[in-house]
Structures are given as C-alpha cells and as structure tokens.
Amino acid sequence: MSKVIIKLENDISTDDIYPGRFMATVLPTETPQFAFFDRTEFNAQLKAKAFPAGSIIVGGENFGCGSSREQACSTLKGHEVAVVAKSISRIFLQNSINLGLQVVICPTVEASEGDELEITADQVLNRTTGRTFEQVKLPAARKGIMDAGGLIPYTRARLMAKA
C-alpha cells in the first residue's frame, strides 16, 4: 500500500512535470530537483524527500501530454514515485515504460491526497474509501520492460540469460 501524495487535474503536461527552461539539465541524477518546479510547495516536499519510495501521484485524463521530453519521466522516477492516472498520453506512456517509471492507467480511479492505495495486477484498491477500480492492463512485454526498471535493464537481463 502507498499513499497519494498529490492529486492532479486533467491535462498535466510534461512542461508542468519538468519545465522546459531546465532542458539543459538532462542527467537522470540531476533532473529530480526540477520535478513540478512551478508547484513550489510540492517541489519543496519532493526535494526534502518528504515522501517514501512508492508514493503515488494521481492524475486525471491525458497525464503527460505535451512534448516528448523523457526528462518528465526520469524526474519522477528519480523520486521513486508511481503514477496512477485516468489516461496517460501515448508518448509519456512509452517514455515511462522505457525508463521504468511505474505507471498505471485506471480510467475510473477516485482518490484524494492522503488516501492509501493498493495496486494489484488488474485493480487499484482505495483502502481509505473501500472502493476498487479496474486498471487497463499493459501488454505483457511492455509491463515486463517497466517492471525490469526500463528498456536497458530489461535488455541486459535478457542478454545475460542467453549467455
């Protein structure tokens, strides 16, 4: 079980997650400091490591819309958070899979900041409200890449298994 650390509205763009003015900083070890930079209170909490690994960001429709910048995913992965959203933009979803950011598409999810969520193989359970929501299952190959920590660790493990 993990706690919802922020509930966001629809159409959260990659510029909201990782503002374009920081594009000169692209190293995954440096990008986390700019996560949700313009949401100053939340950014300060992230930088202070106020949330444990596995904490959840809940988004509405079209989470991660906008540019194709993968830094929006790496900045969140650097904080070891997961994203549960009603829908996720196509490019953000693929970048998340490639980088191993844990994302869950759950079209009917209802959760508030502070709620405790449990993510199973096919559902999101809101332990605070007692409600259960079906998630959209990713194809096995995509889920395998995400669960391995991204495309590079996934490929490395597969190559090592063949050696």
C-alpha atoms as a PDB file:
ATOM      1  CA  MET A   1       0.000   0.000   0.000  1.00  0.00           C
ATOM      2  CA  SER A   2       1.119   3.513  -0.777  1.00  0.00           C
ATOM      3  CA  LYS A   3      -0.143   6.981  -0.007  1.00  0.00           C
ATOM      4  CA  VAL A   4      -1.391   9.503  -2.557  1.00  0.00           C
ATOM      5  CA  ILE A   5       0.945  12.489  -2.234  1.00  0.00           C
ATOM      6  CA  ILE A   6      -0.835  14.746  -4.719  1.00  0.00           C
ATOM      7  CA  LYS A   7      -3.974  14.607  -6.811  1.00  0.00           C
ATOM      8  CA  LEU A   8      -3.691  16.464 -10.091  1.00  0.00           C
ATOM      9  CA  GLU A   9      -6.238  17.640 -12.618  1.00  0.00           C
ATOM     10  CA  ASN A  10      -6.605  16.667 -16.295  1.00  0.00           C
ATOM     11  CA  ASP A  11      -4.046  17.555 -18.976  1.00  0.00           C
ATOM     12  CA  ILE A  12      -0.925  17.677 -16.818  1.00  0.00           C
ATOM     13  CA  SER A  13       1.756  18.490 -19.358  1.00  0.00           C
ATOM     14  CA  THR A  14       5.375  17.465 -19.465  1.00  0.00           C
ATOM     15  CA  ASP A  15       6.142  21.171 -19.018  1.00  0.00           C
ATOM     16  CA  ASP A  16       4.293  21.094 -15.676  1.00  0.00           C
ATOM     17  CA  ILE A  17       6.188  17.949 -14.639  1.00  0.00           C
ATOM     18  CA  TYR A  18       9.583  19.123 -15.919  1.00  0.00           C
ATOM     19  CA  PRO A  19       9.643  22.745 -17.145  1.00  0.00           C
ATOM     20  CA  GLY A  20      11.327  23.294 -20.493  1.00  0.00           C
ATOM     21  CA  ARG A  21      13.588  26.002 -19.124  1.00  0.00           C
ATOM     22  CA  PHE A  22      15.583  23.238 -17.391  1.00  0.00           C
ATOM     23  CA  MET A  23      16.207  21.219 -20.547  1.00  0.00           C
ATOM     24  CA  ALA A  24      19.943  21.905 -20.323  1.00  0.00           C
ATOM     25  CA  THR A  25      19.870  19.534 -17.332  1.00  0.00           C
ATOM     26  CA  VAL A  26      19.227  16.086 -18.701  1.00  0.00           C
ATOM     27  CA  LEU A  27      21.120  13.686 -16.426  1.00  0.00           C
ATOM     28  CA  PRO A  28      18.683  11.434 -14.525  1.00  0.00           C
ATOM     29  CA  THR A  29      20.665  12.119 -11.354  1.00  0.00           C
ATOM     30  CA  GLU A  30      20.058  15.866 -11.696  1.00  0.00           C
ATOM     31  CA  THR A  31      16.539  16.127 -13.160  1.00  0.00           C
ATOM     32  CA  PRO A  32      14.578  15.206  -9.989  1.00  0.00           C
ATOM     33  CA  GLN A  33      15.275  18.587  -8.388  1.00  0.00           C
ATOM     34  CA  PHE A  34      13.066  20.207 -11.034  1.00  0.00           C
ATOM     35  CA  ALA A  35      10.019  17.926 -10.662  1.00  0.00           C
ATOM     36  CA  PHE A  36       6.875  20.073 -10.597  1.00  0.00           C
ATOM     37  CA  PHE A  37       9.143  23.078 -10.114  1.00  0.00           C
ATOM     38  CA  ASP A  38       6.331  25.624 -10.534  1.00  0.00           C
ATOM     39  CA  ARG A  39       4.237  23.887  -7.875  1.00  0.00           C
ATOM     40  CA  THR A  40       6.645  25.272  -5.302  1.00  0.00           C
ATOM     41  CA  GLU A  41       5.251  23.611  -2.177  1.00  0.00           C
ATOM     42  CA  PHE A  42       5.103  20.158  -3.776  1.00  0.00           C
ATOM     43  CA  ASN A  43       8.551  20.608  -5.344  1.00  0.00           C
ATOM     44  CA  ALA A  44       9.992  21.551  -1.940  1.00  0.00           C
ATOM     45  CA  GLN A  45       8.462  18.427  -0.384  1.00  0.00           C
ATOM     46  CA  LEU A  46       9.923  16.258  -3.131  1.00  0.00           C
ATOM     47  CA  LYS A  47      13.363  17.832  -2.728  1.00  0.00           C
ATOM     48  CA  ALA A  48      13.175  17.353   1.050  1.00  0.00           C
ATOM     49  CA  LYS A  49      12.407  13.662   0.462  1.00  0.00           C
ATOM     50  CA  ALA A  50       9.206  14.057   2.472  1.00  0.00           C
ATOM     51  CA  PHE A  51       7.615  11.064   0.732  1.00  0.00           C
ATOM     52  CA  PRO A  52       8.698   7.425   0.878  1.00  0.00           C
ATOM     53  CA  ALA A  53       9.555   5.451  -2.259  1.00  0.00           C
ATOM     54  CA  GLY A  54       6.452   4.076  -3.913  1.00  0.00           C
ATOM     55  CA  SER A  55       4.281   7.078  -3.069  1.00  0.00           C
ATOM     56  CA  ILE A  56       1.600   7.774  -5.653  1.00  0.00           C
ATOM     57  CA  ILE A  57       0.760  10.738  -7.846  1.00  0.00           C
ATOM     58  CA  VAL A  58      -2.852  10.563  -9.042  1.00  0.00           C
ATOM     59  CA  GLY A  59      -3.647  12.236 -12.330  1.00  0.00           C
ATOM     60  CA  GLY A  60      -6.755  12.776 -14.385  1.00  0.00           C
ATOM     61  CA  GLU A  61      -7.136  12.404 -18.140  1.00  0.00           C
ATOM     62  CA  ASN A  62      -4.209  12.876 -20.532  1.00  0.00           C
ATOM     63  CA  PHE A  63      -1.421  12.812 -17.943  1.00  0.00           C
ATOM     64  CA  GLY A  64       1.946  13.706 -19.511  1.00  0.00           C
ATOM     65  CA  CYS A  65       0.581  15.465 -22.574  1.00  0.00           C
ATOM     66  CA  GLY A  66       2.715  17.902 -24.497  1.00  0.00           C
ATOM     67  CA  SER A  67       6.269  17.483 -25.647  1.00  0.00           C
ATOM     68  CA  SER A  68       8.082  14.185 -25.925  1.00  0.00           C
ATOM     69  CA  ARG A  69      10.728  15.058 -23.350  1.00  0.00           C
ATOM     70  CA  GLU A  70      11.733  11.954 -21.462  1.00  0.00           C
ATOM     71  CA  GLN A  71      13.043  14.086 -18.594  1.00  0.00           C
ATOM     72  CA  ALA A  72       9.445  14.369 -17.372  1.00  0.00           C
ATOM     73  CA  CYS A  73       9.565  10.620 -16.705  1.00  0.00           C
ATOM     74  CA  SER A  74      13.131  10.497 -15.376  1.00  0.00           C
ATOM     75  CA  THR A  75      12.441  13.316 -12.924  1.00  0.00           C
ATOM     76  CA  LEU A  76       9.560  11.320 -11.427  1.00  0.00           C
ATOM     77  CA  LYS A  77      11.484   8.062 -11.460  1.00  0.00           C
ATOM     78  CA  GLY A  78      14.245   9.850  -9.560  1.00  0.00           C
ATOM     79  CA  HIS A  79      11.779  10.376  -6.715  1.00  0.00           C
ATOM     80  CA  GLU A  80      10.711   6.717  -6.892  1.00  0.00           C
ATOM     81  CA  VAL A  81       7.038   7.617  -7.195  1.00  0.00           C
ATOM     82  CA  ALA A  82       4.344   5.844  -9.168  1.00  0.00           C
ATOM     83  CA  VAL A  83       1.688   7.473 -11.320  1.00  0.00           C
ATOM     84  CA  VAL A  84      -1.933   6.339 -11.379  1.00  0.00           C
ATOM     85  CA  ALA A  85      -3.958   8.289 -13.923  1.00  0.00           C
ATOM     86  CA  LYS A  86      -7.267   8.032 -15.760  1.00  0.00           C
ATOM     87  CA  SER A  87      -5.355   8.149 -19.033  1.00  0.00           C
ATOM     88  CA  ILE A  88      -1.749   8.756 -19.984  1.00  0.00           C
ATOM     89  CA  SER A  89      -0.555  10.388 -23.178  1.00  0.00           C
ATOM     90  CA  ARG A  90       0.948   7.974 -25.688  1.00  0.00           C
ATOM     91  CA  ILE A  91       4.483   9.363 -25.703  1.00  0.00           C
ATOM     92  CA  PHE A  92       4.644   9.804 -21.921  1.00  0.00           C
ATOM     93  CA  LEU A  93       3.485   6.212 -21.505  1.00  0.00           C
ATOM     94  CA  GLN A  94       6.167   4.887 -23.845  1.00  0.00           C
ATOM     95  CA  ASN A  95       8.862   7.012 -22.181  1.00  0.00           C
ATOM     96  CA  SER A  96       7.702   5.730 -18.778  1.00  0.00           C
ATOM     97  CA  ILE A  97       7.962   2.131 -19.920  1.00  0.00           C
ATOM     98  CA  ASN A  98      11.390   2.712 -21.476  1.00  0.00           C
ATOM     99  CA  LEU A  99      12.703   4.343 -18.283  1.00  0.00           C
ATOM    100  CA  GLY A 100      10.947   2.034 -15.822  1.00  0.00           C
ATOM    101  CA  LEU A 101       8.674   4.647 -14.235  1.00  0.00           C
ATOM    102  CA  GLN A 102       5.768   2.772 -12.666  1.00  0.00           C
ATOM    103  CA  VAL A 103       2.551   3.962 -14.294  1.00  0.00           C
ATOM    104  CA  VAL A 104      -0.977   2.593 -14.027  1.00  0.00           C
ATOM    105  CA  ILE A 105      -3.872   3.545 -16.283  1.00  0.00           C
ATOM    106  CA  CYS A 106      -7.079   3.436 -14.290  1.00  0.00           C
ATOM    107  CA  PRO A 107      -9.952   5.236 -16.095  1.00  0.00           C
ATOM    108  CA  THR A 108     -12.318   5.351 -13.117  1.00  0.00           C
ATOM    109  CA  VAL A 109      -9.868   5.925 -10.269  1.00  0.00           C
ATOM    110  CA  GLU A 110     -11.085   8.122  -7.446  1.00  0.00           C
ATOM    111  CA  ALA A 111      -8.598   9.105  -4.782  1.00  0.00           C
ATOM    112  CA  SER A 112      -7.680  12.104  -2.707  1.00  0.00           C
ATOM    113  CA  GLU A 113      -4.404  13.286  -1.299  1.00  0.00           C
ATOM    114  CA  GLY A 114      -3.610  11.137   1.724  1.00  0.00           C
ATOM    115  CA  ASP A 115      -5.619   8.112   0.589  1.00  0.00           C
ATOM    116  CA  GLU A 116      -3.937   4.712   0.823  1.00  0.00           C
ATOM    117  CA  LEU A 117      -3.919   2.839  -2.495  1.00  0.00           C
ATOM    118  CA  GLU A 118      -3.003  -0.749  -3.232  1.00  0.00           C
ATOM    119  CA  ILE A 119      -2.121  -1.657  -6.797  1.00  0.00           C
ATOM    120  CA  THR A 120      -2.691  -5.266  -7.823  1.00  0.00           C
ATOM    121  CA  ALA A 121      -2.199  -6.924 -11.202  1.00  0.00           C
ATOM    122  CA  ASP A 122      -5.518  -5.634 -12.519  1.00  0.00           C
ATOM    123  CA  GLN A 123      -7.041  -3.297  -9.949  1.00  0.00           C
ATOM    124  CA  VAL A 124      -6.397  -0.244  -7.852  1.00  0.00           C
ATOM    125  CA  LEU A 125      -7.888  -0.574  -4.384  1.00  0.00           C
ATOM    126  CA  ASN A 126      -8.528   2.605  -2.432  1.00  0.00           C
ATOM    127  CA  ARG A 127      -8.122   1.268   1.109  1.00  0.00           C
ATOM    128  CA  THR A 128      -9.277   4.592   2.549  1.00  0.00           C
ATOM    129  CA  THR A 129     -12.669   4.580   0.817  1.00  0.00           C
ATOM    130  CA  GLY A 130     -13.022   0.829   0.312  1.00  0.00           C
ATOM    131  CA  ARG A 131     -13.581   1.223  -3.429  1.00  0.00           C
ATOM    132  CA  THR A 132     -11.978  -0.850  -6.171  1.00  0.00           C
ATOM    133  CA  PHE A 133     -11.163   0.350  -9.698  1.00  0.00           C
ATOM    134  CA  GLU A 134     -10.206  -1.707 -12.734  1.00  0.00           C
ATOM    135  CA  GLN A 135      -6.964  -0.776 -14.443  1.00  0.00           C
ATOM    136  CA  VAL A 136      -6.060  -1.045 -18.103  1.00  0.00           C
ATOM    137  CA  LYS A 137      -3.540  -3.846 -18.355  1.00  0.00           C
ATOM    138  CA  LEU A 138      -0.440  -3.177 -20.389  1.00  0.00           C
ATOM    139  CA  PRO A 139       0.683  -5.852 -22.848  1.00  0.00           C
ATOM    140  CA  ALA A 140       2.978  -8.361 -21.117  1.00  0.00           C
ATOM    141  CA  ALA A 141       6.099  -7.212 -22.996  1.00  0.00           C
ATOM    142  CA  ARG A 142       5.578  -3.557 -22.052  1.00  0.00           C
ATOM    143  CA  LYS A 143       4.807  -4.444 -18.427  1.00  0.00           C
ATOM    144  CA  GLY A 144       7.924  -6.630 -18.336  1.00  0.00           C
ATOM    145  CA  ILE A 145      10.106  -3.756 -19.523  1.00  0.00           C
ATOM    146  CA  MET A 146       8.618  -1.363 -16.957  1.00  0.00           C
ATOM    147  CA  ASP A 147       8.924  -3.900 -14.128  1.00  0.00           C
ATOM    148  CA  ALA A 148      12.559  -4.601 -15.055  1.00  0.00           C
ATOM    149  CA  GLY A 149      13.360  -0.927 -14.462  1.00  0.00           C
ATOM    150  CA  GLY A 150      13.298   0.122 -18.101  1.00  0.00           C
ATOM    151  CA  LEU A 151      14.444  -0.946 -21.538  1.00  0.00           C
ATOM    152  CA  ILE A 152      18.168  -1.052 -20.766  1.00  0.00           C
ATOM    153  CA  PRO A 153      17.897  -3.267 -17.637  1.00  0.00           C
ATOM    154  CA  TYR A 154      15.324  -5.443 -19.423  1.00  0.00           C
ATOM    155  CA  THR A 155      17.574  -5.938 -22.452  1.00  0.00           C
ATOM    156  CA  ARG A 156      20.637  -6.509 -20.273  1.00  0.00           C
ATOM    157  CA  ALA A 157      18.808  -9.227 -18.282  1.00  0.00           C
ATOM    158  CA  ARG A 158      17.622 -10.925 -21.459  1.00  0.00           C
ATOM    159  CA  LEU A 159      21.108 -10.904 -22.967  1.00  0.00           C
ATOM    160  CA  MET A 160      22.632 -12.272 -19.765  1.00  0.00           C
ATOM    161  CA  ALA A 161      20.024 -15.047 -19.664  1.00  0.00           C
ATOM    162  CA  LYS A 162      21.112 -16.148 -23.157  1.00  0.00           C
ATOM    163  CA  ALA A 163      24.843 -16.097 -22.309  1.00  0.00           C
END
